Protein backbone atom coordinates (compact mmCIF):
# COMPACT_ATOMS: atom_id res chain seq x y z
CA MET A 1 6.88 -17.99 -8.05
CA LEU A 2 3.52 -16.18 -8.75
CA LYS A 3 2.86 -17.31 -12.40
CA GLY A 4 -0.75 -17.76 -12.96
CA LYS A 5 -1.74 -15.56 -10.02
CA THR A 6 -3.52 -12.11 -10.35
CA ALA A 7 -2.75 -9.18 -8.05
CA ILE A 8 -4.89 -5.92 -7.66
CA VAL A 9 -2.65 -3.18 -6.40
CA THR A 10 -4.57 -0.15 -5.46
CA GLY A 11 -2.89 3.34 -5.95
CA SER A 12 -0.16 1.72 -8.08
CA THR A 13 0.59 4.21 -10.86
CA SER A 14 3.44 5.71 -8.89
CA GLY A 15 5.46 5.41 -5.75
CA ILE A 16 4.96 2.50 -3.13
CA GLY A 17 2.24 0.92 -5.17
CA LEU A 18 4.03 0.71 -8.49
CA GLY A 19 7.03 -0.56 -6.66
CA ILE A 20 5.02 -3.33 -5.30
CA ALA A 21 3.21 -4.00 -8.57
CA LYS A 22 6.48 -4.24 -10.35
CA ALA A 23 8.03 -6.67 -7.72
CA LEU A 24 4.97 -8.93 -8.08
CA ALA A 25 5.09 -8.79 -11.92
CA ALA A 26 8.82 -9.90 -11.75
CA GLN A 27 7.46 -13.06 -10.16
CA GLY A 28 5.05 -13.78 -13.05
CA ALA A 29 1.79 -12.35 -11.43
CA ASN A 30 -0.76 -10.58 -13.73
CA ILE A 31 -1.27 -7.11 -12.45
CA VAL A 32 -4.29 -4.79 -12.17
CA LEU A 33 -3.16 -1.13 -11.83
CA ASN A 34 -5.26 1.51 -10.36
CA GLY A 35 -4.69 5.14 -9.73
CA PHE A 36 -5.05 8.67 -11.08
CA GLY A 37 -2.45 10.32 -13.60
CA ASP A 38 -0.45 8.70 -16.26
CA TYR A 39 -1.04 4.96 -16.41
CA GLU A 40 0.58 4.05 -19.82
CA SER A 41 4.27 4.41 -18.34
CA PRO A 42 3.34 2.16 -15.47
CA LYS A 43 1.67 -0.28 -17.82
CA GLY A 44 4.77 -0.42 -20.03
CA ALA A 45 7.15 -0.95 -17.05
CA ILE A 46 4.90 -4.13 -16.09
CA THR A 47 4.72 -5.26 -19.71
CA ALA A 48 8.55 -4.82 -19.82
CA LEU A 49 8.87 -7.45 -16.98
CA GLY A 50 6.92 -10.02 -19.04
CA ALA A 51 3.73 -9.78 -17.14
CA ARG A 52 0.13 -9.37 -18.17
CA VAL A 53 -1.20 -6.06 -17.14
CA SER A 54 -4.54 -4.06 -17.03
CA TYR A 55 -5.64 -0.86 -15.61
CA HIS A 56 -8.84 0.42 -13.99
CA PRO A 57 -9.40 4.23 -12.91
CA ALA A 58 -11.56 3.29 -9.78
CA ASP A 59 -11.98 6.25 -7.35
CA MET A 60 -11.24 4.35 -4.14
CA SER A 61 -13.54 6.53 -2.15
CA LYS A 62 -16.48 5.18 -4.09
CA PRO A 63 -17.93 1.71 -3.27
CA ASP A 64 -19.46 1.20 -6.66
CA ASP A 65 -16.09 2.06 -8.41
CA ILE A 66 -14.40 -0.40 -6.05
CA ALA A 67 -16.90 -3.15 -7.05
CA ALA A 68 -16.20 -2.35 -10.75
CA LEU A 69 -12.38 -2.60 -10.17
CA VAL A 70 -12.79 -6.08 -8.63
CA ALA A 71 -15.20 -7.05 -11.38
CA HIS A 72 -12.71 -5.84 -13.99
CA ALA A 73 -9.81 -7.93 -12.57
CA GLN A 74 -12.01 -10.99 -12.55
CA GLU A 75 -13.12 -10.48 -16.03
CA ALA A 76 -9.55 -9.79 -17.41
CA PHE A 77 -7.69 -12.48 -15.56
CA GLY A 78 -10.44 -14.87 -14.08
CA THR A 79 -9.35 -14.69 -10.43
CA VAL A 80 -8.00 -12.19 -7.86
CA ASP A 81 -5.48 -14.17 -5.66
CA ILE A 82 -3.48 -11.19 -4.34
CA LEU A 83 -4.89 -7.88 -3.05
CA VAL A 84 -2.68 -4.99 -2.05
CA ASN A 85 -4.55 -2.13 -0.54
CA ASN A 86 -2.14 0.80 -1.15
CA ALA A 87 -4.38 3.75 -2.05
CA GLY A 88 -4.00 6.54 0.36
CA ILE A 89 -4.16 10.34 0.82
CA GLN A 90 -2.81 12.75 3.46
CA HIS A 91 -3.74 16.20 4.98
CA VAL A 92 -1.88 17.96 7.85
CA SER A 93 -3.90 19.99 10.33
CA ARG A 94 -4.65 20.31 14.12
CA ILE A 95 -7.78 18.64 14.98
CA GLU A 96 -9.86 21.83 15.71
CA ASN A 97 -9.09 23.17 12.47
CA PHE A 98 -9.14 19.94 10.55
CA PRO A 99 -11.64 20.23 7.48
CA THR A 100 -14.34 17.58 8.10
CA GLU A 101 -14.53 16.86 4.34
CA ARG A 102 -10.93 15.98 4.30
CA TRP A 103 -11.45 13.79 7.37
CA ASP A 104 -14.19 11.95 5.55
CA SER A 105 -12.20 11.53 2.38
CA ILE A 106 -8.96 10.25 4.26
CA LEU A 107 -10.97 7.65 6.04
CA ALA A 108 -12.84 6.64 2.99
CA ILE A 109 -9.72 6.06 0.92
CA ASN A 110 -7.16 4.89 3.46
CA LEU A 111 -9.33 2.58 5.34
CA THR A 112 -12.96 2.05 4.07
CA SER A 113 -11.78 1.08 0.58
CA ALA A 114 -9.72 -1.68 2.09
CA PHE A 115 -12.93 -3.09 3.67
CA HIS A 116 -14.67 -3.02 0.37
CA THR A 117 -12.05 -4.73 -1.58
CA THR A 118 -11.50 -7.30 0.99
CA ARG A 119 -15.10 -8.22 1.42
CA LEU A 120 -15.30 -8.51 -2.39
CA VAL A 121 -12.20 -10.79 -3.10
CA LEU A 122 -12.52 -13.05 0.00
CA PRO A 123 -15.28 -15.37 -1.36
CA GLY A 124 -13.14 -16.39 -4.34
CA MET A 125 -9.82 -16.74 -2.30
CA LEU A 126 -11.65 -18.99 0.21
CA GLN A 127 -13.12 -21.19 -2.61
CA ARG A 128 -9.74 -21.64 -3.96
CA ASN A 129 -8.05 -21.95 -0.52
CA TRP A 130 -5.42 -19.58 -1.40
CA GLY A 131 -5.05 -15.76 -1.16
CA ARG A 132 -2.77 -13.00 0.00
CA ILE A 133 -4.23 -9.65 1.35
CA ILE A 134 -1.58 -6.96 2.03
CA ASN A 135 -2.54 -3.78 3.54
CA ILE A 136 -0.07 -0.98 3.13
CA ALA A 137 -0.55 0.79 6.57
CA SER A 138 2.24 3.04 7.86
CA VAL A 139 4.33 3.67 10.99
CA HIS A 140 1.47 5.84 11.66
CA GLY A 141 -0.77 2.56 12.05
CA LEU A 142 1.60 1.90 15.11
CA VAL A 143 2.49 5.31 16.65
CA ALA A 144 1.23 8.78 16.10
CA SER A 145 2.29 12.30 14.98
CA ALA A 146 0.85 15.58 15.70
CA GLU A 147 -1.55 17.02 13.11
CA LYS A 148 -2.23 13.95 11.28
CA SER A 149 -5.35 12.78 13.14
CA ALA A 150 -7.31 11.47 10.18
CA TYR A 151 -4.37 9.58 8.71
CA VAL A 152 -3.20 8.11 12.13
CA ALA A 153 -6.85 7.22 12.81
CA ALA A 154 -7.13 5.43 9.42
CA LYS A 155 -3.89 3.54 9.53
CA HIS A 156 -4.52 2.32 13.10
CA GLY A 157 -7.78 1.11 11.79
CA LEU A 158 -6.21 -0.65 8.76
CA VAL A 159 -3.99 -2.45 11.12
CA GLY A 160 -7.01 -3.54 13.08
CA LEU A 161 -8.73 -4.62 9.92
CA THR A 162 -5.59 -6.74 8.93
CA LYS A 163 -5.82 -8.64 12.34
CA VAL A 164 -9.62 -9.42 12.04
CA THR A 165 -9.22 -10.44 8.52
CA ALA A 166 -6.34 -12.76 9.44
CA LEU A 167 -8.14 -14.26 12.48
CA GLU A 168 -11.39 -15.00 10.57
CA ASN A 169 -9.45 -16.82 7.83
CA ALA A 170 -6.73 -18.37 10.15
CA THR A 171 -7.53 -21.96 9.19
CA SER A 172 -7.68 -21.27 5.49
CA GLY A 173 -4.94 -20.64 2.85
CA VAL A 174 -5.90 -16.90 2.85
CA THR A 175 -3.43 -14.69 4.89
CA CYS A 176 -3.69 -11.10 5.53
CA ASN A 177 -0.83 -8.85 6.82
CA ALA A 178 0.16 -5.21 6.97
CA ILE A 179 3.26 -3.42 5.93
CA CYS A 180 4.10 -0.25 8.03
CA PRO A 181 6.72 1.94 6.21
CA GLY A 182 8.22 4.92 7.66
CA TRP A 183 9.62 7.53 5.29
CA VAL A 184 9.65 6.12 1.86
CA LEU A 185 11.60 7.70 -1.09
CA THR A 186 9.07 8.33 -3.60
CA PRO A 187 9.13 11.15 -6.34
CA LEU A 188 6.76 13.17 -4.07
CA VAL A 189 9.12 12.97 -1.08
CA GLN A 190 12.19 13.60 -3.38
CA LYS A 191 10.42 16.96 -4.34
CA GLN A 192 10.11 17.82 -0.57
CA VAL A 193 13.79 17.25 -0.04
CA ASP A 194 14.85 19.16 -3.00
CA ALA A 195 12.61 22.02 -1.98
CA LYS A 196 13.99 22.04 1.59
CA ALA A 197 17.54 21.89 0.23
CA GLN A 198 16.82 25.00 -1.92
CA GLN A 199 14.96 26.97 0.73
CA MET A 200 17.48 26.45 3.31
CA GLY A 201 20.64 26.61 1.21
CA LEU A 202 21.55 22.82 2.01
CA THR A 203 23.04 20.14 0.02
CA ASN A 204 20.60 17.32 -0.81
CA THR A 205 22.24 15.09 1.79
CA GLU A 206 21.90 17.75 4.49
CA ALA A 207 18.28 18.22 3.58
CA THR A 208 17.66 14.44 3.70
CA LYS A 209 19.18 14.23 7.18
CA LEU A 210 17.09 17.10 8.43
CA LEU A 211 13.93 15.45 7.27
CA LEU A 212 14.67 12.08 8.59
CA GLY A 213 16.35 13.24 11.63
CA GLU A 214 13.50 13.49 14.16
CA LYS A 215 11.89 10.09 13.39
CA GLU A 216 14.07 7.59 11.42
CA PRO A 217 17.32 6.57 13.25
CA SER A 218 18.72 4.88 10.23
CA GLN A 219 18.89 8.19 8.42
CA GLN A 220 17.82 6.18 5.35
CA PHE A 221 14.69 6.25 3.31
CA THR A 222 12.85 2.88 2.79
CA THR A 223 12.33 2.30 -0.93
CA PRO A 224 9.52 1.05 -3.05
CA GLU A 225 11.69 -1.75 -4.20
CA GLU A 226 12.37 -2.83 -0.56
CA LEU A 227 8.62 -2.90 0.12
CA GLY A 228 8.03 -4.76 -3.10
CA ALA A 229 10.46 -7.50 -1.84
CA LEU A 230 8.71 -7.76 1.45
CA ALA A 231 5.33 -8.10 -0.39
CA VAL A 232 6.77 -10.85 -2.55
CA PHE A 233 7.98 -12.75 0.67
CA LEU A 234 4.49 -12.38 2.09
CA CYS A 235 3.06 -13.95 -1.02
CA SER A 236 5.47 -16.86 -0.81
CA SER A 237 5.02 -20.16 0.75
CA ALA A 238 7.59 -19.20 3.46
CA ALA A 239 4.88 -16.82 4.76
CA ASP A 240 2.05 -19.32 4.96
CA ASN A 241 1.90 -18.98 8.71
CA VAL A 242 2.59 -15.27 8.75
CA ARG A 243 -0.85 -13.94 9.72
CA GLY A 244 -2.10 -10.63 11.16
CA VAL A 245 1.23 -9.17 11.44
CA ALA A 246 1.88 -5.25 11.13
CA TRP A 247 5.57 -5.48 9.73
CA ASN A 248 7.24 -2.01 10.23
CA MET A 249 9.98 -1.21 7.77
CA ASP A 250 10.79 2.25 9.35
CA GLY A 251 14.55 2.45 9.85
CA GLY A 252 14.10 2.14 13.70
CA TRP A 253 11.35 4.57 14.07
CA THR A 254 9.16 2.51 16.28
CA ALA A 255 12.04 1.02 18.29
CA GLN A 256 12.67 4.29 20.04
């Protein structure tokens, strides 16, 4: 379905970003990975799906690095047709104790980076009259939780940026939508479950229910594969008129 298209997926060397990158690659898209840590294994996983893949180590808090990432994608594959803004970091603290430097870095990576990538890829998308911009927001782009002021502010901002981008390009073939996951089963979250089970003398199932219990009525994690499937749908012709949506995949979190 996406053969000949090129996708940048930020923060894609693991977790949600890698799940989305693999789903797009399975549909034939060229993939530009981005992130820290090991990137050879993710590249191998994409190649195994028969897709072309490249990697760029841009620090998404730095506008010059972001410009270099987009330029790299264009040089490697000619165009950027799909942009998935997934890079994000988190810090938990009450507002009066929140480190100002952490606030600045969370806003830079979780929100401002999406502005920079979007402004850089839009001209080419509009020229070709086709493009998909998918912002990975969060259930925290729709509702709040205590001690997550910077993350909640950034994700609410990302949902707002999504709507403006969609409206400004509503008569074109370029769409912009947000995906808002609840708890997602990534390796990092699995480590939290394992640690909770060990500390409290619980089974893994009991620890999972405890972690999910307050927020997610389904008592189930969303998986990167499920999010990847939703991203593929948003890139399909069936989603040509899906514009400015904040699509929650949260096990009923925001239905309460």
